């Protein structure tokens, strides 16, 4: 029968104790796994930059009347007095509609694809309201606005800035129902360009700074 000295027994106990210290019980292992999973799934909070409020200034305002699919602006510099076509395309349930506005700009009595001035959609409405847009009559108001913030190219000559443009169109039926149109397609992202600073070489005459003279160190 093999015998063990007290010192060897004590060393064995210490070794088992160290192994026990570095090992985890099944319950503790599950806790660690759950804690790790929670940390991985916790989103890190990042500091977001505050967006600068866009300010809008009025570009134009048009007012007119529509009747059974035709309209005419009575106020506004562009298209005043010209014949217009208001096409209404209801969805299958007849509660929403897409509306196209075209102007006969060349006076030929037709409305070509390049004479489309706006395309938008209505929100959810009563079926009777959509019917009034198709067959009824009412008033139309259109305000176009330009944003104050733009993206600019800044060469020495010929700099331009692109500004966002938005359209606010309200149609009011004779039953006093007001429908606000939401732009669709390319009319959602309208923009305009404006020149900034000198645009020709001769404008720069006298504005180009001369070299700063340096002292003679010899």
C-alpha atoms as a PDB file:
ATOM      1  CA  UNK A   1       0.000   0.000   0.000  1.00  0.00           C
ATOM      2  CA  UNK A   2       1.422   3.322  -1.089  1.00  0.00           C
ATOM      3  CA  UNK A   3       1.939   5.908   1.639  1.00  0.00           C
ATOM      4  CA  UNK A   4       1.914   9.719   1.271  1.00  0.00           C
ATOM      5  CA  UNK A   5       3.801  12.136   3.452  1.00  0.00           C
ATOM      6  CA  UNK A   6       1.946  15.046   5.131  1.00  0.00           C
ATOM      7  CA  UNK A   7       3.913  17.508   2.946  1.00  0.00           C
ATOM      8  CA  UNK A   8       2.829  15.789  -0.248  1.00  0.00           C
ATOM      9  CA  UNK A   9      -0.757  15.722   0.934  1.00  0.00           C
ATOM     10  CA  UNK A  10      -0.616  19.456   1.702  1.00  0.00           C
ATOM     11  CA  UNK A  11       0.879  20.210  -1.744  1.00  0.00           C
ATOM     12  CA  UNK A  12      -1.904  18.212  -3.348  1.00  0.00           C
ATOM     13  CA  UNK A  13      -4.527  20.152  -1.432  1.00  0.00           C
ATOM     14  CA  UNK A  14      -2.968  23.499  -2.508  1.00  0.00           C
ATOM     15  CA  UNK A  15      -2.848  22.364  -6.149  1.00  0.00           C
ATOM     16  CA  UNK A  16      -6.497  21.360  -6.080  1.00  0.00           C
ATOM     17  CA  UNK A  17      -7.366  24.676  -4.442  1.00  0.00           C
ATOM     18  CA  UNK A  18      -5.580  26.652  -7.224  1.00  0.00           C
ATOM     19  CA  UNK A  19      -7.322  24.591  -9.915  1.00  0.00           C
ATOM     20  CA  UNK A  20     -10.625  25.207  -8.178  1.00  0.00           C
ATOM     21  CA  UNK A  21      -9.921  28.967  -8.066  1.00  0.00           C
ATOM     22  CA  UNK A  22      -9.396  29.138 -11.865  1.00  0.00           C
ATOM     23  CA  UNK A  23     -12.351  26.940 -12.736  1.00  0.00           C
ATOM     24  CA  UNK A  24     -16.029  27.998 -12.740  1.00  0.00           C
ATOM     25  CA  UNK A  25     -19.068  26.154 -11.597  1.00  0.00           C
ATOM     26  CA  UNK A  26     -21.740  25.435 -14.218  1.00  0.00           C
ATOM     27  CA  UNK A  27     -24.005  28.058 -12.625  1.00  0.00           C
ATOM     28  CA  UNK A  28     -21.281  30.717 -12.676  1.00  0.00           C
ATOM     29  CA  UNK A  29     -20.398  29.837 -16.276  1.00  0.00           C
ATOM     30  CA  UNK A  30     -23.994  30.410 -17.345  1.00  0.00           C
ATOM     31  CA  UNK A  31     -23.982  33.753 -15.534  1.00  0.00           C
ATOM     32  CA  UNK A  32     -20.800  34.833 -17.324  1.00  0.00           C
ATOM     33  CA  UNK A  33     -22.218  33.780 -20.676  1.00  0.00           C
ATOM     34  CA  UNK A  34     -25.435  35.685 -20.029  1.00  0.00           C
ATOM     35  CA  UNK A  35     -23.443  38.780 -18.976  1.00  0.00           C
ATOM     36  CA  UNK A  36     -21.304  38.605 -22.130  1.00  0.00           C
ATOM     37  CA  UNK A  37     -24.375  38.228 -24.344  1.00  0.00           C
ATOM     38  CA  UNK A  38     -25.988  41.238 -22.686  1.00  0.00           C
ATOM     39  CA  UNK A  39     -22.886  43.374 -23.264  1.00  0.00           C
ATOM     40  CA  UNK A  40     -22.715  42.379 -26.933  1.00  0.00           C
ATOM     41  CA  UNK A  41     -26.356  43.250 -27.482  1.00  0.00           C
ATOM     42  CA  UNK A  42     -26.242  46.536 -25.628  1.00  0.00           C
ATOM     43  CA  UNK A  43     -25.996  49.409 -28.167  1.00  0.00           C
ATOM     44  CA  UNK A  44     -23.258  51.908 -27.536  1.00  0.00           C
ATOM     45  CA  UNK A  45     -24.536  55.446 -27.126  1.00  0.00           C
ATOM     46  CA  UNK A  46     -22.866  57.824 -29.545  1.00  0.00           C
ATOM     47  CA  UNK A  47     -23.073  61.586 -29.388  1.00  0.00           C
ATOM     48  CA  UNK A  48     -25.043  62.810 -32.381  1.00  0.00           C
ATOM     49  CA  UNK A  49     -24.374  66.176 -33.937  1.00  0.00           C
ATOM     50  CA  UNK A  50     -27.371  68.470 -33.710  1.00  0.00           C
ATOM     51  CA  UNK A  51     -28.821  69.186 -37.140  1.00  0.00           C
ATOM     52  CA  UNK A  52     -28.998  72.832 -38.146  1.00  0.00           C
ATOM     53  CA  UNK A  53     -32.554  73.910 -38.785  1.00  0.00           C
ATOM     54  CA  UNK A  54     -33.242  74.605 -42.429  1.00  0.00           C
ATOM     55  CA  UNK A  55     -34.864  77.976 -43.020  1.00  0.00           C
ATOM     56  CA  UNK A  56     -37.113  78.537 -46.013  1.00  0.00           C
ATOM     57  CA  UNK A  57     -37.828  81.667 -48.040  1.00  0.00           C
ATOM     58  CA  UNK A  58     -40.663  82.064 -50.537  1.00  0.00           C
ATOM     59  CA  UNK A  59     -39.791  81.788 -54.218  1.00  0.00           C
ATOM     60  CA  UNK A  60     -43.234  82.012 -55.784  1.00  0.00           C
ATOM     61  CA  UNK A  61     -46.925  81.674 -55.060  1.00  0.00           C
ATOM     62  CA  UNK A  62     -49.660  80.580 -57.438  1.00  0.00           C
ATOM     63  CA  UNK A  63     -53.403  80.571 -56.897  1.00  0.00           C
ATOM     64  CA  UNK A  64     -56.120  79.371 -59.218  1.00  0.00           C
ATOM     65  CA  UNK A  65     -59.236  77.286 -59.707  1.00  0.00           C
ATOM     66  CA  UNK A  66     -59.869  73.824 -61.079  1.00  0.00           C
ATOM     67  CA  UNK A  67     -62.974  72.347 -62.644  1.00  0.00           C
ATOM     68  CA  UNK A  68     -63.423  68.751 -63.814  1.00  0.00           C
ATOM     69  CA  UNK A  69     -59.745  68.122 -64.503  1.00  0.00           C
ATOM     70  CA  UNK A  70     -58.804  71.545 -65.914  1.00  0.00           C
ATOM     71  CA  UNK A  71     -57.258  74.427 -63.969  1.00  0.00           C
ATOM     72  CA  UNK A  72     -55.849  77.882 -64.466  1.00  0.00           C
ATOM     73  CA  UNK A  73     -53.648  80.048 -62.268  1.00  0.00           C
ATOM     74  CA  UNK A  74     -55.028  83.542 -61.681  1.00  0.00           C
ATOM     75  CA  UNK A  75     -52.084  84.686 -59.561  1.00  0.00           C
ATOM     76  CA  UNK A  76     -48.373  84.075 -59.953  1.00  0.00           C
ATOM     77  CA  UNK A  77     -45.722  85.231 -62.388  1.00  0.00           C
ATOM     78  CA  UNK A  78     -45.201  81.886 -64.151  1.00  0.00           C
ATOM     79  CA  UNK A  79     -48.062  80.199 -66.031  1.00  0.00           C
ATOM     80  CA  UNK A  80     -50.638  82.868 -65.123  1.00  0.00           C
ATOM     81  CA  UNK A  81     -53.644  82.612 -67.425  1.00  0.00           C
ATOM     82  CA  UNK A  82     -52.364  79.474 -69.177  1.00  0.00           C
ATOM     83  CA  UNK A  83     -54.503  76.369 -69.520  1.00  0.00           C
ATOM     84  CA  UNK A  84     -53.651  73.570 -67.124  1.00  0.00           C
ATOM     85  CA  UNK A  85     -54.508  69.895 -66.833  1.00  0.00           C
ATOM     86  CA  UNK A  86     -55.016  68.175 -63.456  1.00  0.00           C
ATOM     87  CA  UNK A  87     -54.920  64.402 -63.848  1.00  0.00           C
ATOM     88  CA  UNK A  88     -56.127  62.353 -60.880  1.00  0.00           C
ATOM     89  CA  UNK A  89     -55.218  58.653 -60.616  1.00  0.00           C
ATOM     90  CA  UNK A  90     -56.977  57.011 -57.630  1.00  0.00           C
ATOM     91  CA  UNK A  91     -55.687  53.782 -56.126  1.00  0.00           C
ATOM     92  CA  UNK A  92     -57.697  50.556 -56.167  1.00  0.00           C
ATOM     93  CA  UNK A  93     -59.681  51.401 -53.035  1.00  0.00           C
ATOM     94  CA  UNK A  94     -60.313  54.984 -54.104  1.00  0.00           C
ATOM     95  CA  UNK A  95     -59.035  56.450 -50.832  1.00  0.00           C
ATOM     96  CA  UNK A  96     -55.727  57.863 -52.141  1.00  0.00           C
ATOM     97  CA  UNK A  97     -54.691  59.340 -55.475  1.00  0.00           C
ATOM     98  CA  UNK A  98     -51.692  60.479 -57.499  1.00  0.00           C
ATOM     99  CA  UNK A  99     -52.122  63.888 -59.107  1.00  0.00           C
ATOM    100  CA  UNK A 100     -50.230  65.360 -62.062  1.00  0.00           C
ATOM    101  CA  UNK A 101     -50.299  69.042 -62.973  1.00  0.00           C
ATOM    102  CA  UNK A 102     -49.363  70.105 -66.515  1.00  0.00           C
ATOM    103  CA  UNK A 103     -49.383  73.499 -68.244  1.00  0.00           C
ATOM    104  CA  UNK A 104     -49.889  74.129 -71.968  1.00  0.00           C
ATOM    105  CA  UNK A 105     -46.852  76.379 -72.141  1.00  0.00           C
ATOM    106  CA  UNK A 106     -46.637  76.672 -75.944  1.00  0.00           C
ATOM    107  CA  UNK A 107     -50.372  77.151 -76.520  1.00  0.00           C
ATOM    108  CA  UNK A 108     -50.817  74.231 -78.895  1.00  0.00           C
ATOM    109  CA  UNK A 109     -53.804  72.852 -76.978  1.00  0.00           C
ATOM    110  CA  UNK A 110     -51.932  69.724 -75.867  1.00  0.00           C
ATOM    111  CA  UNK A 111     -50.111  68.696 -72.703  1.00  0.00           C
ATOM    112  CA  UNK A 112     -46.773  67.081 -73.500  1.00  0.00           C
ATOM    113  CA  UNK A 113     -44.621  65.108 -71.072  1.00  0.00           C
ATOM    114  CA  UNK A 114     -42.113  67.957 -70.767  1.00  0.00           C
ATOM    115  CA  UNK A 115     -44.931  70.314 -69.707  1.00  0.00           C
ATOM    116  CA  UNK A 116     -45.454  68.456 -66.429  1.00  0.00           C
ATOM    117  CA  UNK A 117     -44.861  70.931 -63.598  1.00  0.00           C
ATOM    118  CA  UNK A 118     -45.726  68.795 -60.560  1.00  0.00           C
ATOM    119  CA  UNK A 119     -46.509  65.254 -59.468  1.00  0.00           C
ATOM    120  CA  UNK A 120     -47.701  64.397 -55.981  1.00  0.00           C
ATOM    121  CA  UNK A 121     -49.908  62.183 -53.887  1.00  0.00           C
ATOM    122  CA  UNK A 122     -52.753  62.692 -51.454  1.00  0.00           C
ATOM    123  CA  UNK A 123     -53.002  61.219 -48.007  1.00  0.00           C
ATOM    124  CA  UNK A 124     -55.840  58.905 -47.038  1.00  0.00           C
ATOM    125  CA  UNK A 125     -59.137  60.598 -47.860  1.00  0.00           C
ATOM    126  CA  UNK A 126     -62.816  59.789 -48.080  1.00  0.00           C
ATOM    127  CA  UNK A 127     -63.874  58.382 -51.425  1.00  0.00           C
ATOM    128  CA  UNK A 128     -66.153  61.376 -51.928  1.00  0.00           C
ATOM    129  CA  UNK A 129     -63.154  63.727 -51.647  1.00  0.00           C
ATOM    130  CA  UNK A 130     -61.245  61.819 -54.335  1.00  0.00           C
ATOM    131  CA  UNK A 131     -64.362  61.954 -56.543  1.00  0.00           C
ATOM    132  CA  UNK A 132     -64.502  65.736 -56.062  1.00  0.00           C
ATOM    133  CA  UNK A 133     -60.914  66.009 -57.266  1.00  0.00           C
ATOM    134  CA  UNK A 134     -61.810  64.108 -60.426  1.00  0.00           C
ATOM    135  CA  UNK A 135     -65.225  65.478 -61.319  1.00  0.00           C
ATOM    136  CA  UNK A 136     -65.749  68.461 -59.030  1.00  0.00           C
ATOM    137  CA  UNK A 137     -64.322  71.944 -58.754  1.00  0.00           C
ATOM    138  CA  UNK A 138     -62.440  74.032 -56.207  1.00  0.00           C
ATOM    139  CA  UNK A 139     -59.329  76.111 -55.633  1.00  0.00           C
ATOM    140  CA  UNK A 140     -55.627  75.377 -55.833  1.00  0.00           C
ATOM    141  CA  UNK A 141     -52.736  77.075 -54.030  1.00  0.00           C
ATOM    142  CA  UNK A 142     -49.070  76.399 -54.672  1.00  0.00           C
ATOM    143  CA  UNK A 143     -46.168  77.905 -52.725  1.00  0.00           C
ATOM    144  CA  UNK A 144     -42.558  77.181 -53.702  1.00  0.00           C
ATOM    145  CA  UNK A 145     -39.785  77.811 -51.172  1.00  0.00           C
ATOM    146  CA  UNK A 146     -35.987  77.794 -51.239  1.00  0.00           C
ATOM    147  CA  UNK A 147     -33.858  76.418 -48.422  1.00  0.00           C
ATOM    148  CA  UNK A 148     -31.232  78.567 -46.740  1.00  0.00           C
ATOM    149  CA  UNK A 149     -28.540  75.861 -46.704  1.00  0.00           C
ATOM    150  CA  UNK A 150     -26.823  74.843 -49.921  1.00  0.00           C
ATOM    151  CA  UNK A 151     -23.872  72.887 -51.252  1.00  0.00           C
ATOM    152  CA  UNK A 152     -21.410  75.137 -53.029  1.00  0.00           C
ATOM    153  CA  UNK A 153     -18.427  74.854 -55.323  1.00  0.00           C
ATOM    154  CA  UNK A 154     -15.973  77.602 -54.500  1.00  0.00           C
ATOM    155  CA  UNK A 155     -13.453  78.218 -57.255  1.00  0.00           C
ATOM    156  CA  UNK A 156     -11.981  81.692 -57.636  1.00  0.00           C
ATOM    157  CA  UNK A 157     -14.278  82.371 -60.595  1.00  0.00           C
ATOM    158  CA  UNK A 158     -17.659  80.845 -61.416  1.00  0.00           C
ATOM    159  CA  UNK A 159     -18.717  79.563 -57.997  1.00  0.00           C
ATOM    160  CA  UNK A 160     -22.289  78.214 -57.731  1.00  0.00           C
ATOM    161  CA  UNK A 161     -24.492  76.947 -54.901  1.00  0.00           C
ATOM    162  CA  UNK A 162     -27.252  74.332 -55.053  1.00  0.00           C
ATOM    163  CA  UNK A 163     -30.247  75.037 -52.815  1.00  0.00           C
ATOM    164  CA  UNK A 164     -33.133  72.713 -51.995  1.00  0.00           C
ATOM    165  CA  UNK A 165     -36.581  73.675 -53.276  1.00  0.00           C
ATOM    166  CA  UNK A 166     -39.860  72.409 -51.860  1.00  0.00           C
ATOM    167  CA  UNK A 167     -43.442  72.711 -53.077  1.00  0.00           C
ATOM    168  CA  UNK A 168     -46.442  73.144 -50.784  1.00  0.00           C
ATOM    169  CA  UNK A 169     -49.676  72.498 -52.690  1.00  0.00           C
ATOM    170  CA  UNK A 170     -53.129  72.623 -51.133  1.00  0.00           C
ATOM    171  CA  UNK A 171     -56.305  71.803 -53.041  1.00  0.00           C
ATOM    172  CA  UNK A 172     -59.634  72.836 -51.546  1.00  0.00           C
ATOM    173  CA  UNK A 173     -62.843  71.338 -52.883  1.00  0.00           C
ATOM    174  CA  UNK A 174     -66.178  73.150 -52.982  1.00  0.00           C
ATOM    175  CA  UNK A 175     -67.179  71.047 -49.950  1.00  0.00           C
ATOM    176  CA  UNK A 176     -64.341  72.716 -47.977  1.00  0.00           C
ATOM    177  CA  UNK A 177     -62.138  69.614 -47.893  1.00  0.00           C
ATOM    178  CA  UNK A 178     -58.451  70.590 -48.025  1.00  0.00           C
ATOM    179  CA  UNK A 179     -55.928  68.126 -49.456  1.00  0.00           C
ATOM    180  CA  UNK A 180     -52.189  68.654 -49.159  1.00  0.00           C
ATOM    181  CA  UNK A 181     -50.169  67.026 -51.921  1.00  0.00           C
ATOM    182  CA  UNK A 182     -46.880  65.289 -51.156  1.00  0.00           C
ATOM    183  CA  UNK A 183     -44.281  65.504 -53.936  1.00  0.00           C
ATOM    184  CA  UNK A 184     -43.399  62.296 -55.770  1.00  0.00           C
ATOM    185  CA  UNK A 185     -40.562  61.215 -58.034  1.00  0.00           C
ATOM    186  CA  UNK A 186     -38.144  63.896 -59.138  1.00  0.00           C
ATOM    187  CA  UNK A 187     -40.291  66.587 -57.494  1.00  0.00           C
ATOM    188  CA  UNK A 188     -39.261  65.242 -54.074  1.00  0.00           C
ATOM    189  CA  UNK A 189     -35.680  66.421 -54.636  1.00  0.00           C
ATOM    190  CA  UNK A 190     -35.963  69.711 -56.501  1.00  0.00           C
ATOM    191  CA  UNK A 191     -33.058  72.125 -56.377  1.00  0.00           C
ATOM    192  CA  UNK A 192     -31.876  75.349 -57.948  1.00  0.00           C
ATOM    193  CA  UNK A 193     -28.475  76.846 -58.702  1.00  0.00           C
ATOM    194  CA  UNK A 194     -27.364  80.358 -57.914  1.00  0.00           C
ATOM    195  CA  UNK A 195     -24.042  81.976 -58.839  1.00  0.00           C
ATOM    196  CA  UNK A 196     -21.876  83.222 -55.995  1.00  0.00           C
ATOM    197  CA  UNK A 197     -19.086  85.757 -56.260  1.00  0.00           C
ATOM    198  CA  UNK A 198     -17.300  86.793 -59.470  1.00  0.00           C
ATOM    199  CA  UNK A 199     -18.361  84.870 -62.561  1.00  0.00           C
ATOM    200  CA  UNK A 200     -16.022  86.393 -65.207  1.00  0.00           C
ATOM    201  CA  UNK A 201     -12.324  87.132 -65.410  1.00  0.00           C
ATOM    202  CA  UNK A 202     -12.774  90.882 -65.910  1.00  0.00           C
ATOM    203  CA  UNK A 203     -14.648  91.107 -62.591  1.00  0.00           C
ATOM    204  CA  UNK A 204     -11.498  89.918 -60.848  1.00  0.00           C
ATOM    205  CA  UNK A 205      -9.451  92.853 -62.184  1.00  0.00           C
ATOM    206  CA  UNK A 206      -8.236  94.836 -59.221  1.00  0.00           C
ATOM    207  CA  UNK A 207      -9.335  92.148 -56.770  1.00  0.00           C
ATOM    208  CA  UNK A 208      -6.376  89.805 -57.117  1.00  0.00           C
ATOM    209  CA  UNK A 209      -3.982  90.596 -54.246  1.00  0.00           C
ATOM    210  CA  UNK A 210      -0.401  91.476 -55.167  1.00  0.00           C
ATOM    211  CA  UNK A 211       2.552  89.595 -53.619  1.00  0.00           C
ATOM    212  CA  UNK A 212       3.632  90.994 -50.275  1.00  0.00           C
ATOM    213  CA  UNK A 213       7.056  92.696 -50.692  1.00  0.00           C
ATOM    214  CA  UNK A 214       9.853  91.191 -48.594  1.00  0.00           C
ATOM    215  CA  UNK A 215      12.795  93.035 -47.144  1.00  0.00           C
ATOM    216  CA  UNK A 216      16.250  92.703 -48.714  1.00  0.00           C
ATOM    217  CA  UNK A 217      18.323  90.605 -46.280  1.00  0.00           C
ATOM    218  CA  UNK A 218      21.586  90.877 -48.246  1.00  0.00           C
END
